[in-house]
Amino acid sequence: MDVLSYMKAEILQAAKAKEEKEWNDEENEIIIQFFKENEAMWNHNIPSYKDRNLREYNYQNLSEMLPSRSHDEIKKQWHVLKAIFSRELKREEGSKVSGRGTDSVYNLQWKLFNEMMFVKGSDNVDPSITSMTDPFSAIQPSKRLKAEKAREMEEMKISFYREAITCLKAPLPSLSVEHCSKAANDEISLYVKSVEGTLRKFSPRQLVFAKKRINV
């Protein structure tokens, strides 16, 4: 009996945790409004989108508006919202194919659809719909998210590589023999050794890619 009671408590706790993690309309509206006011976070067609520091700064500000949500949770939810909008947009446009009556036009069910209209025409949403909904459209945002994470990881490695090269190329102050032992253990030397150790873990492909992306 005690075991069953324990299991019941665990199940209820898990259900409560899941319920707390569900995104509500208010949270979704906060995200949508914030992205609408900060075009550099989503519009690939403007130069400021390439400013990763600006994008991360905006995400930090958004996280402060949603203290119960992590940085990654907010990013994932934005991709979910875009995926839903893309699906609904395709259904609506697909139902307007020439030759169909007005009765067959798709009746939108998602109440946040109009609020998401500002992303229509961006690189994330294809506005030119000529057929019915692609059955694989729901998984495309997930693949895109994985690709973005992989690209960000590569960019971080390149940034680290660039910093390492800068450190290694910097002229070292001339030291007398009696100071060599001390200099080998100072903060800069230890940092350079740490960088060197990390660079040695790069795969050949990553090193080739890095050398193409950096001016050494």
Protein backbone atom coordinates (compact mmCIF):
# COMPACT_ATOMS: atom_id res chain seq x y z
CA MET A 1 0.00 0.00 0.00
CA ASP A 2 2.84 2.37 0.84
CA VAL A 3 4.47 1.61 -2.50
CA LEU A 4 1.26 2.42 -4.37
CA SER A 5 0.85 5.66 -2.46
CA TYR A 6 4.42 6.61 -3.30
CA MET A 7 3.88 5.85 -7.00
CA LYS A 8 0.67 7.89 -7.01
CA ALA A 9 2.47 10.85 -5.47
CA GLU A 10 5.22 10.59 -8.08
CA ILE A 11 2.68 10.48 -10.91
CA LEU A 12 0.80 13.49 -9.56
CA GLN A 13 4.05 15.41 -9.14
CA ALA A 14 5.11 14.60 -12.70
CA ALA A 15 1.70 15.65 -14.04
CA LYS A 16 1.88 18.91 -12.11
CA ALA A 17 5.38 19.62 -13.43
CA LYS A 18 4.21 18.97 -16.99
CA GLU A 19 1.23 21.27 -16.51
CA GLU A 20 3.48 24.02 -15.17
CA LYS A 21 5.69 23.68 -18.25
CA GLU A 22 2.79 24.16 -20.66
CA TRP A 23 2.93 27.50 -22.40
CA ASN A 24 -0.12 29.68 -21.87
CA ASP A 25 -1.55 32.35 -24.17
CA GLU A 26 -0.16 35.20 -22.11
CA GLU A 27 3.39 33.87 -22.38
CA ASN A 28 3.01 33.26 -26.11
CA GLU A 29 1.70 36.79 -26.62
CA ILE A 30 4.69 38.21 -24.72
CA ILE A 31 7.08 36.31 -26.99
CA ILE A 32 5.24 37.30 -30.18
CA GLN A 33 5.04 40.98 -29.23
CA PHE A 34 8.72 41.07 -28.26
CA PHE A 35 9.83 39.52 -31.55
CA LYS A 36 7.54 41.87 -33.45
CA GLU A 37 9.26 44.85 -31.82
CA ASN A 38 12.76 43.41 -32.36
CA GLU A 39 13.03 42.54 -36.05
CA ALA A 40 16.73 41.73 -35.79
CA MET A 41 15.82 38.56 -33.88
CA TRP A 42 13.97 36.87 -36.75
CA ASN A 43 14.29 38.69 -40.09
CA HIS A 44 17.14 37.20 -42.12
CA ASN A 45 16.76 39.95 -44.71
CA ILE A 46 18.16 42.78 -42.59
CA PRO A 47 21.87 43.28 -41.76
CA SER A 48 21.35 43.51 -37.99
CA TYR A 49 20.11 39.89 -37.95
CA LYS A 50 23.74 38.78 -38.33
CA ASP A 51 24.67 40.52 -35.09
CA ARG A 52 24.64 37.55 -32.71
CA ASN A 53 25.54 39.73 -29.74
CA LEU A 54 22.46 41.87 -30.33
CA ARG A 55 20.29 38.80 -30.71
CA GLU A 56 21.56 37.27 -27.48
CA TYR A 57 21.11 40.59 -25.70
CA ASN A 58 17.48 40.68 -26.84
CA TYR A 59 16.96 37.10 -25.69
CA GLN A 60 18.32 38.05 -22.28
CA ASN A 61 15.83 40.91 -22.05
CA LEU A 62 13.01 38.59 -23.09
CA SER A 63 14.09 36.04 -20.46
CA GLU A 64 13.70 38.71 -17.80
CA MET A 65 10.09 39.17 -18.93
CA LEU A 66 9.52 35.42 -18.56
CA PRO A 67 11.45 34.54 -15.38
CA SER A 68 9.93 31.06 -15.12
CA ARG A 69 11.31 30.10 -18.54
CA SER A 70 14.88 29.31 -19.48
CA HIS A 71 16.73 30.85 -22.41
CA ASP A 72 16.53 27.59 -24.39
CA GLU A 73 12.83 27.12 -23.63
CA ILE A 74 12.05 30.53 -25.08
CA LYS A 75 14.03 29.81 -28.23
CA LYS A 76 12.27 26.49 -28.73
CA GLN A 77 8.86 28.04 -28.15
CA TRP A 78 9.53 30.68 -30.79
CA HIS A 79 10.31 27.93 -33.29
CA VAL A 80 7.10 26.15 -32.26
CA LEU A 81 5.07 29.31 -32.84
CA LYS A 82 6.64 29.80 -36.28
CA ALA A 83 5.94 26.17 -37.18
CA ILE A 84 2.28 26.51 -36.21
CA PHE A 85 1.96 29.75 -38.16
CA SER A 86 3.60 28.21 -41.23
CA ARG A 87 1.22 25.25 -41.07
CA GLU A 88 -1.86 27.43 -40.72
CA LEU A 89 -0.68 29.77 -43.47
CA LYS A 90 -0.24 26.87 -45.88
CA ARG A 91 -3.67 25.51 -45.06
CA GLU A 92 -5.31 28.87 -45.61
CA GLU A 93 -3.48 29.63 -48.86
CA GLY A 94 -3.96 26.06 -50.07
CA SER A 95 -7.71 26.35 -49.63
CA LYS A 96 -7.76 29.45 -51.86
CA VAL A 97 -6.56 27.61 -54.97
CA SER A 98 -8.25 28.97 -58.09
CA GLY A 99 -11.53 27.23 -58.90
CA ARG A 100 -12.64 26.51 -55.36
CA GLY A 101 -15.70 28.05 -53.80
CA THR A 102 -15.63 30.37 -50.81
CA ASP A 103 -17.19 27.64 -48.67
CA SER A 104 -14.03 25.57 -49.01
CA VAL A 105 -11.71 28.29 -47.71
CA TYR A 106 -9.89 27.06 -44.62
CA ASN A 107 -11.32 28.38 -41.36
CA LEU A 108 -8.43 29.43 -39.13
CA GLN A 109 -8.56 27.94 -35.64
CA TRP A 110 -5.36 29.36 -34.14
CA LYS A 111 -6.17 32.68 -32.47
CA LEU A 112 -2.55 33.89 -32.55
CA PHE A 113 -2.38 33.61 -36.34
CA ASN A 114 -2.98 37.30 -37.07
CA GLU A 115 -0.47 38.35 -34.42
CA MET A 116 2.18 36.25 -36.19
CA MET A 117 1.52 37.76 -39.62
CA PHE A 118 4.57 40.01 -39.30
CA VAL A 119 6.88 37.04 -40.05
CA LYS A 120 5.15 36.27 -43.34
CA GLY A 121 7.63 36.68 -46.17
CA SER A 122 10.72 36.24 -44.01
CA ASP A 123 13.24 33.46 -44.65
CA ASN A 124 11.60 31.39 -41.93
CA VAL A 125 8.18 31.24 -43.59
CA ASP A 126 7.52 30.63 -47.27
CA PRO A 127 4.55 32.80 -48.34
CA SER A 128 4.24 31.37 -51.86
CA ILE A 129 1.91 28.43 -51.30
CA THR A 130 0.52 26.64 -54.35
CA SER A 131 -0.43 23.25 -52.92
CA MET A 132 -1.91 21.64 -49.85
CA THR A 133 -0.01 21.38 -46.59
CA ASP A 134 3.27 19.53 -46.70
CA PRO A 135 2.91 16.60 -44.23
CA PHE A 136 6.52 17.07 -43.19
CA SER A 137 6.22 20.79 -42.49
CA ALA A 138 5.85 20.17 -38.76
CA ILE A 139 9.31 18.63 -38.47
CA GLN A 140 11.12 21.20 -40.59
CA PRO A 141 11.49 23.75 -37.76
CA SER A 142 13.03 21.04 -35.58
CA LYS A 143 15.62 20.24 -38.23
CA ARG A 144 16.30 23.93 -38.72
CA LEU A 145 16.81 24.35 -34.96
CA LYS A 146 19.37 21.53 -34.92
CA ALA A 147 21.16 23.09 -37.89
CA GLU A 148 21.26 26.46 -36.15
CA LYS A 149 22.69 24.92 -32.99
CA ALA A 150 25.36 23.13 -35.01
CA ARG A 151 26.22 26.37 -36.81
CA GLU A 152 26.43 28.26 -33.52
CA MET A 153 28.78 25.60 -32.15
CA GLU A 154 31.03 25.96 -35.20
CA GLU A 155 31.00 29.75 -34.80
CA MET A 156 32.01 29.41 -31.15
CA LYS A 157 34.91 27.17 -32.11
CA ILE A 158 35.99 29.62 -34.81
CA SER A 159 35.82 32.49 -32.34
CA PHE A 160 37.91 30.51 -29.88
CA TYR A 161 40.38 29.64 -32.61
CA ARG A 162 40.67 33.31 -33.61
CA GLU A 163 41.32 34.31 -30.01
CA ALA A 164 43.94 31.62 -29.66
CA ILE A 165 45.77 32.75 -32.79
CA THR A 166 45.77 36.32 -31.51
CA CYS A 167 47.28 35.21 -28.22
CA LEU A 168 49.89 33.03 -29.87
CA LYS A 169 50.93 35.81 -32.28
CA ALA A 170 51.26 38.44 -29.57
CA PRO A 171 54.92 39.24 -28.79
CA LEU A 172 56.07 38.02 -25.41
CA PRO A 173 58.18 40.33 -23.22
CA SER A 174 61.86 39.44 -23.05
CA LEU A 175 62.66 37.71 -19.78
CA SER A 176 65.91 37.00 -18.06
CA VAL A 177 66.87 33.41 -17.37
CA GLU A 178 65.98 33.66 -13.71
CA HIS A 179 62.47 34.84 -14.61
CA CYS A 180 61.75 32.15 -17.21
CA SER A 181 60.49 29.63 -14.69
CA LYS A 182 58.10 32.15 -13.17
CA ALA A 183 56.89 33.38 -16.58
CA ALA A 184 56.07 29.83 -17.67
CA ASN A 185 53.51 29.62 -14.93
CA ASP A 186 52.01 33.09 -15.12
CA GLU A 187 48.38 33.64 -16.07
CA ILE A 188 49.01 34.36 -19.76
CA SER A 189 51.21 31.31 -20.27
CA LEU A 190 48.71 29.05 -18.56
CA TYR A 191 45.90 30.47 -20.69
CA VAL A 192 47.87 29.93 -23.91
CA LYS A 193 48.59 26.35 -22.88
CA SER A 194 44.90 25.83 -22.21
CA VAL A 195 44.05 27.23 -25.64
CA GLU A 196 46.64 25.02 -27.27
CA GLY A 197 45.17 21.96 -25.55
CA THR A 198 41.72 22.82 -26.81
CA LEU A 199 42.93 23.42 -30.37
CA ARG A 200 44.52 20.00 -30.44
CA LYS A 201 41.05 18.52 -29.89
CA PHE A 202 39.75 20.09 -33.13
CA SER A 203 39.04 17.62 -35.89
CA PRO A 204 40.90 18.08 -39.22
CA ARG A 205 37.65 19.26 -40.79
CA GLN A 206 37.13 21.88 -38.09
CA LEU A 207 40.69 23.15 -38.49
CA VAL A 208 40.31 23.42 -42.26
CA PHE A 209 37.01 25.22 -41.84
CA ALA A 210 38.55 27.52 -39.24
CA LYS A 211 41.52 28.43 -41.44
CA LYS A 212 39.16 29.38 -44.25
CA ARG A 213 37.14 31.64 -41.96
CA ILE A 214 39.96 33.46 -40.21
CA ASN A 215 42.75 35.77 -41.35
CA VAL A 216 45.92 34.50 -39.73
